Amino acid sequence: MNMEKKTKKTAKVRQIDCKLITTTVKKLFIEANTSLGKDVIEALRKSLPQEESATGKEVLVKIMENADIACRSKMPMCQDTGLAVVFLEIGQDVHIVGGNLREAIDEGVRQAYAEGYLRKSVCDPLTRKNTQDNTPAIIHVDIVAGNRLKIIAMPKGGGSENMSAAKMLTPAAGSDGIKKFVLETVEQAGANPCPPIMVGVGIGGSLEEACILAKKALLRPVGEANSKDERLVQMEKELYTGINDLGIGPGGLGGRVTTLAVNAEMMPCHIASLPVAVNIQCHVARHKEVIL
């Protein structure tokens, strides 16, 4: 009886070789930099009739043309091919074999940025000396049930990342304080993050968790509302309207379409705190994923 239980438990464990992880990461980062998601393309198309500015309409058309050329030519959509951010969901019954997980991911990034002719943008913070291969990657790991490994590649451009912000609000600030901070952050960003933008909002947790939530929020398909909390659905709608009322417009040249989506995620926090983070993404909203 005990042996049967032990055998059944052991049978669930699945091995995934580091070589497969490396080749997968390489493929994902090349694809993410050359092929814009269908959800973003559709959102850009839908935004055209909403844009009142002739210049703004022209910018939106050029953005779509650029995405089409990049996809057909297998060339990067933007000269900034991003800091390599990787989100992993590792099943607790997965056993990584054949090497070190981090080294496997970094090697995939290294190969992608060399073979895909992608700009290498990673450097030492103080000397500014380039690492020459766009490593190390920024890796976020979640342990989940099951025996599968989900890999999400997210090349994050410096221009939009520079306009992101986090703040520890007082609990009394509440929902209105959160919305005020988001609007102020986007208004101060202006044209710098290459609008139309996507805005990820992380609420709660701790300082660092709010920032991760905000970045994870950007992985949600454009136009898909938060399905977990009706309060966030309403907040997303209000922020979407408020940001587009700022008049920044496509390319920062004025107009109605400043954002294509506002995605918010939330988790409980300490009674003394109200952490909020805003992660801004340019119109080149790059991310690709696969489940092994």
Protein backbone atom coordinates (compact mmCIF):
# COMPACT_ATOMS: atom_id res chain seq x y z
CA MET A 1 0.00 0.00 0.00
CA ASN A 2 2.70 2.47 1.00
CA MET A 3 4.83 1.51 -2.01
CA GLU A 4 1.87 2.16 -4.35
CA LYS A 5 1.31 5.62 -2.88
CA LYS A 6 5.02 6.41 -3.19
CA THR A 7 5.09 5.24 -6.82
CA LYS A 8 2.07 7.34 -7.77
CA LYS A 9 3.57 10.41 -6.15
CA THR A 10 6.93 9.92 -7.88
CA ALA A 11 5.28 9.38 -11.27
CA LYS A 12 4.04 12.99 -11.30
CA VAL A 13 7.54 14.43 -11.34
CA ARG A 14 8.60 15.59 -14.81
CA GLN A 15 12.08 16.43 -16.00
CA ILE A 16 12.76 19.45 -18.22
CA ASP A 17 16.23 19.83 -19.69
CA CYS A 18 18.06 23.14 -19.54
CA LYS A 19 18.84 22.89 -23.26
CA LEU A 20 15.12 23.08 -24.03
CA ILE A 21 14.77 26.10 -21.75
CA THR A 22 17.66 27.87 -23.52
CA THR A 23 16.26 27.31 -27.03
CA THR A 24 12.78 28.34 -25.87
CA VAL A 25 14.01 31.57 -24.27
CA LYS A 26 15.98 32.42 -27.41
CA LYS A 27 12.95 31.91 -29.63
CA LEU A 28 10.63 33.90 -27.36
CA PHE A 29 12.86 36.97 -27.19
CA ILE A 30 13.39 37.07 -30.95
CA GLU A 31 9.66 36.69 -31.59
CA ALA A 32 8.74 39.26 -28.94
CA ASN A 33 10.98 41.85 -30.57
CA THR A 34 9.75 41.26 -34.11
CA SER A 35 6.07 40.36 -33.81
CA LEU A 36 3.58 42.60 -32.00
CA GLY A 37 0.67 40.82 -30.30
CA LYS A 38 -2.67 40.62 -32.11
CA ASP A 39 -4.35 42.24 -29.11
CA VAL A 40 -2.15 45.34 -29.44
CA ILE A 41 -2.66 45.55 -33.22
CA GLU A 42 -6.43 45.32 -32.73
CA ALA A 43 -6.36 47.99 -30.02
CA LEU A 44 -4.41 50.32 -32.34
CA ARG A 45 -6.96 49.77 -35.11
CA LYS A 46 -9.86 50.47 -32.77
CA SER A 47 -8.17 53.64 -31.54
CA LEU A 48 -8.05 55.24 -35.01
CA PRO A 49 -11.72 56.36 -35.10
CA GLN A 50 -11.36 57.68 -31.52
CA GLU A 51 -8.44 59.93 -32.41
CA GLU A 52 -9.59 63.45 -33.29
CA SER A 53 -6.16 64.84 -34.22
CA ALA A 54 -5.02 64.42 -37.84
CA THR A 55 -1.41 64.21 -36.65
CA GLY A 56 -2.40 61.66 -34.04
CA LYS A 57 -4.13 59.51 -36.67
CA GLU A 58 -1.02 59.65 -38.84
CA VAL A 59 1.16 58.53 -35.92
CA LEU A 60 -1.14 55.57 -35.23
CA VAL A 61 -1.05 54.53 -38.90
CA LYS A 62 2.76 54.72 -38.94
CA ILE A 63 2.95 52.61 -35.77
CA MET A 64 0.86 49.88 -37.41
CA GLU A 65 2.88 50.06 -40.62
CA ASN A 66 6.09 49.72 -38.61
CA ALA A 67 4.74 46.67 -36.78
CA ASP A 68 3.74 45.07 -40.09
CA ILE A 69 7.16 45.67 -41.68
CA ALA A 70 8.93 44.30 -38.59
CA CYS A 71 6.83 41.14 -38.59
CA ARG A 72 7.26 40.47 -42.32
CA SER A 73 10.98 41.28 -42.32
CA LYS A 74 11.71 39.59 -38.98
CA MET A 75 13.35 42.82 -37.80
CA PRO A 76 12.99 44.56 -34.42
CA MET A 77 10.02 46.91 -34.11
CA CYS A 78 12.14 49.34 -32.11
CA GLN A 79 15.87 50.04 -31.86
CA ASP A 80 15.52 49.58 -28.08
CA THR A 81 15.16 45.81 -27.91
CA GLY A 82 14.86 45.89 -24.17
CA LEU A 83 16.09 44.63 -20.86
CA ALA A 84 15.36 40.90 -20.76
CA VAL A 85 12.62 40.30 -18.18
CA VAL A 86 11.50 36.69 -17.67
CA PHE A 87 8.49 35.47 -15.71
CA LEU A 88 8.51 31.79 -14.75
CA GLU A 89 5.68 29.66 -13.39
CA ILE A 90 7.34 26.46 -12.24
CA GLY A 91 5.19 23.48 -11.35
CA GLN A 92 6.20 21.99 -8.00
CA ASP A 93 6.50 18.62 -9.72
CA VAL A 94 9.01 19.86 -12.30
CA HIS A 95 12.65 18.82 -12.01
CA ILE A 96 15.10 20.99 -13.99
CA VAL A 97 17.96 18.82 -15.25
CA GLY A 98 21.07 19.23 -17.34
CA GLY A 99 22.40 22.40 -15.78
CA ASN A 100 21.54 25.55 -13.86
CA LEU A 101 18.19 27.26 -14.51
CA ARG A 102 19.51 30.82 -14.38
CA GLU A 103 22.45 29.98 -16.62
CA ALA A 104 20.07 28.32 -19.10
CA ILE A 105 17.89 31.43 -19.25
CA ASP A 106 20.85 33.79 -19.60
CA GLU A 107 22.26 31.63 -22.39
CA GLY A 108 18.92 31.84 -24.20
CA VAL A 109 18.98 35.63 -23.88
CA ARG A 110 22.62 35.70 -25.03
CA GLN A 111 21.81 33.66 -28.15
CA ALA A 112 18.66 35.65 -28.93
CA TYR A 113 20.39 39.01 -28.85
CA ALA A 114 23.30 37.72 -30.96
CA GLU A 115 21.42 35.65 -33.55
CA GLY A 116 18.43 38.02 -33.71
CA TYR A 117 20.66 41.09 -34.21
CA LEU A 118 19.02 42.73 -31.22
CA ARG A 119 20.60 45.71 -29.50
CA LYS A 120 22.48 44.85 -26.33
CA SER A 121 21.41 47.43 -23.76
CA VAL A 122 22.60 46.06 -20.41
CA CYS A 123 25.47 47.77 -18.58
CA ASP A 124 27.09 48.21 -15.18
CA PRO A 125 25.10 50.85 -13.26
CA LEU A 126 28.17 52.89 -12.29
CA THR A 127 30.84 52.39 -14.94
CA ARG A 128 28.19 52.08 -17.71
CA LYS A 129 30.30 49.35 -19.29
CA ASN A 130 28.14 47.15 -21.52
CA THR A 131 27.88 43.44 -20.62
CA GLN A 132 28.01 42.77 -24.40
CA ASP A 133 25.27 40.10 -24.43
CA ASN A 134 22.22 41.69 -22.75
CA THR A 135 22.58 39.52 -19.66
CA PRO A 136 21.84 39.01 -16.86
CA ALA A 137 18.10 38.63 -17.32
CA ILE A 138 15.66 39.86 -14.67
CA ILE A 139 13.87 36.69 -13.50
CA HIS A 140 10.66 36.47 -11.47
CA VAL A 141 9.61 33.01 -10.26
CA ASP A 142 6.24 31.71 -9.04
CA ILE A 143 5.89 28.12 -7.79
CA VAL A 144 2.56 26.63 -8.86
CA ALA A 145 0.85 23.24 -8.82
CA GLY A 146 1.51 20.68 -11.53
CA ASN A 147 4.43 19.55 -13.67
CA ARG A 148 4.63 22.24 -16.34
CA LEU A 149 6.92 25.22 -16.83
CA LYS A 150 5.52 28.48 -18.20
CA ILE A 151 8.05 30.94 -19.60
CA ILE A 152 7.12 34.54 -20.43
CA ALA A 153 9.69 36.69 -22.21
CA MET A 154 9.22 40.43 -21.80
CA PRO A 155 11.80 42.75 -23.40
CA LYS A 156 11.30 46.04 -21.51
CA GLY A 157 12.42 49.27 -23.15
CA GLY A 158 14.30 51.87 -21.15
CA GLY A 159 12.23 54.88 -22.19
CA SER A 160 8.96 53.56 -20.77
CA GLU A 161 10.63 51.96 -17.74
CA ASN A 162 12.24 55.30 -16.85
CA MET A 163 8.80 56.89 -16.60
CA SER A 164 7.52 54.25 -14.16
CA ALA A 165 7.16 55.05 -10.46
CA ALA A 166 6.27 53.65 -7.04
CA LYS A 167 5.00 55.34 -3.91
CA MET A 168 4.04 54.37 -0.39
CA LEU A 169 0.72 56.15 0.13
CA THR A 170 -0.96 56.52 3.49
CA PRO A 171 -3.91 54.16 3.97
CA ALA A 172 -6.20 57.21 4.16
CA ALA A 173 -5.32 58.06 0.53
CA GLY A 174 -7.60 55.26 -0.60
CA SER A 175 -8.85 54.75 -4.14
CA ASP A 176 -8.80 58.48 -4.95
CA GLY A 177 -5.16 58.74 -3.86
CA ILE A 178 -4.21 55.79 -6.05
CA LYS A 179 -5.90 57.28 -9.12
CA LYS A 180 -4.32 60.68 -8.47
CA PHE A 181 -0.84 59.13 -8.30
CA VAL A 182 -1.36 57.17 -11.53
CA LEU A 183 -2.61 60.23 -13.41
CA GLU A 184 0.25 62.39 -12.11
CA THR A 185 2.79 59.76 -13.14
CA VAL A 186 1.42 59.52 -16.69
CA GLU A 187 1.09 63.31 -17.03
CA GLN A 188 4.71 63.82 -15.94
CA ALA A 189 5.83 61.13 -18.38
CA GLY A 190 4.32 63.04 -21.29
CA ALA A 191 5.81 62.02 -24.63
CA ASN A 192 8.82 60.20 -23.14
CA PRO A 193 7.39 56.64 -23.08
CA CYS A 194 6.25 56.82 -26.75
CA PRO A 195 2.46 56.92 -26.43
CA PRO A 196 -0.01 55.44 -26.93
CA ILE A 197 1.00 53.54 -23.83
CA MET A 198 -0.17 50.66 -21.71
CA VAL A 199 -0.33 51.36 -17.98
CA GLY A 200 0.20 48.64 -15.41
CA VAL A 201 -0.87 49.44 -11.85
CA GLY A 202 0.16 47.36 -8.83
CA ILE A 203 -1.63 47.94 -5.53
CA GLY A 204 -0.81 46.44 -2.15
CA GLY A 205 1.69 43.86 -0.99
CA SER A 206 5.02 45.50 -0.18
CA LEU A 207 7.10 48.07 -2.04
CA GLU A 208 8.76 45.49 -4.28
CA GLU A 209 5.63 43.36 -4.72
CA ALA A 210 3.59 46.35 -5.91
CA CYS A 211 6.22 46.92 -8.62
CA ILE A 212 6.08 43.27 -9.71
CA LEU A 213 2.27 43.36 -9.76
CA ALA A 214 2.37 46.45 -11.98
CA LYS A 215 4.69 44.74 -14.46
CA LYS A 216 2.63 41.54 -14.40
CA ALA A 217 -0.47 43.60 -15.14
CA LEU A 218 1.08 44.54 -18.50
CA LEU A 219 1.02 40.86 -19.50
CA ARG A 220 -2.77 40.82 -19.54
CA PRO A 221 -4.21 41.06 -23.08
CA VAL A 222 -5.13 44.62 -24.08
CA GLY A 223 -8.82 45.23 -23.48
CA GLU A 224 -9.25 42.37 -21.01
CA ALA A 225 -10.65 43.68 -17.72
CA ASN A 226 -9.58 42.42 -14.31
CA SER A 227 -11.75 39.39 -13.60
CA LYS A 228 -10.98 39.15 -9.89
CA ASP A 229 -12.27 42.40 -8.44
CA GLU A 230 -15.08 44.65 -9.66
CA ARG A 231 -13.49 47.58 -7.83
CA LEU A 232 -10.44 47.29 -10.06
CA VAL A 233 -12.63 47.04 -13.16
CA GLN A 234 -14.16 50.41 -12.28
CA MET A 235 -10.77 51.91 -11.43
CA GLU A 236 -9.33 50.76 -14.77
CA LYS A 237 -12.21 52.41 -16.63
CA GLU A 238 -11.85 55.68 -14.75
CA LEU A 239 -8.09 55.79 -15.24
CA TYR A 240 -8.42 54.93 -18.93
CA THR A 241 -10.76 57.89 -19.42
CA GLY A 242 -8.69 60.20 -17.21
CA ILE A 243 -5.42 59.42 -18.98
CA ASN A 244 -6.91 59.92 -22.44
CA ASP A 245 -8.36 63.23 -21.25
CA LEU A 246 -4.82 64.47 -20.55
CA GLY A 247 -4.44 65.27 -24.25
CA ILE A 248 -0.89 63.87 -24.62
CA GLY A 249 -1.92 61.86 -27.67
CA PRO A 250 -0.03 59.53 -30.05
CA GLY A 251 3.67 60.30 -30.09
CA GLY A 252 3.05 62.98 -27.48
CA LEU A 253 1.89 65.31 -30.26
CA GLY A 254 -1.56 65.91 -28.83
CA GLY A 255 -4.80 63.99 -29.22
CA ARG A 256 -7.30 61.69 -27.55
CA VAL A 257 -5.42 58.39 -27.65
CA THR A 258 -2.76 58.48 -24.94
CA THR A 259 -3.34 54.98 -23.57
CA LEU A 260 -4.65 51.77 -25.10
CA ALA A 261 -5.21 50.04 -21.78
CA VAL A 262 -4.96 50.40 -18.02
CA ASN A 263 -4.48 47.09 -16.19
CA ALA A 264 -4.51 46.95 -12.39
CA GLU A 265 -3.63 44.10 -10.04
CA MET A 266 -4.00 44.07 -6.26
CA MET A 267 -3.13 42.03 -3.17
CA PRO A 268 -3.45 42.57 0.60
CA CYS A 269 -0.93 44.82 2.34
CA HIS A 270 0.17 45.86 5.84
CA ILE A 271 -2.36 47.88 7.88
CA ALA A 272 0.09 50.82 8.00
CA SER A 273 0.78 50.93 4.25
CA LEU A 274 -0.73 51.46 0.83
CA PRO A 275 1.97 50.64 -1.73
CA VAL A 276 1.23 51.66 -5.33
CA ALA A 277 3.38 51.17 -8.43
CA VAL A 278 2.88 52.35 -12.00
CA ASN A 279 4.70 50.49 -14.76
CA ILE A 280 4.40 52.21 -18.12
CA GLN A 281 4.78 50.32 -21.38
CA CYS A 282 5.17 51.96 -24.78
CA HIS A 283 3.03 50.96 -27.76
CA VAL A 284 5.60 48.24 -28.53
CA ALA A 285 4.05 46.04 -25.84
CA ARG A 286 6.31 43.04 -26.29
CA HIS A 287 5.80 39.72 -24.55
CA LYS A 288 5.63 36.12 -25.70
CA GLU A 289 5.00 32.99 -23.69
CA VAL A 290 5.06 29.23 -23.93
CA ILE A 291 4.26 26.29 -21.65
CA LEU A 292 6.68 23.36 -21.61
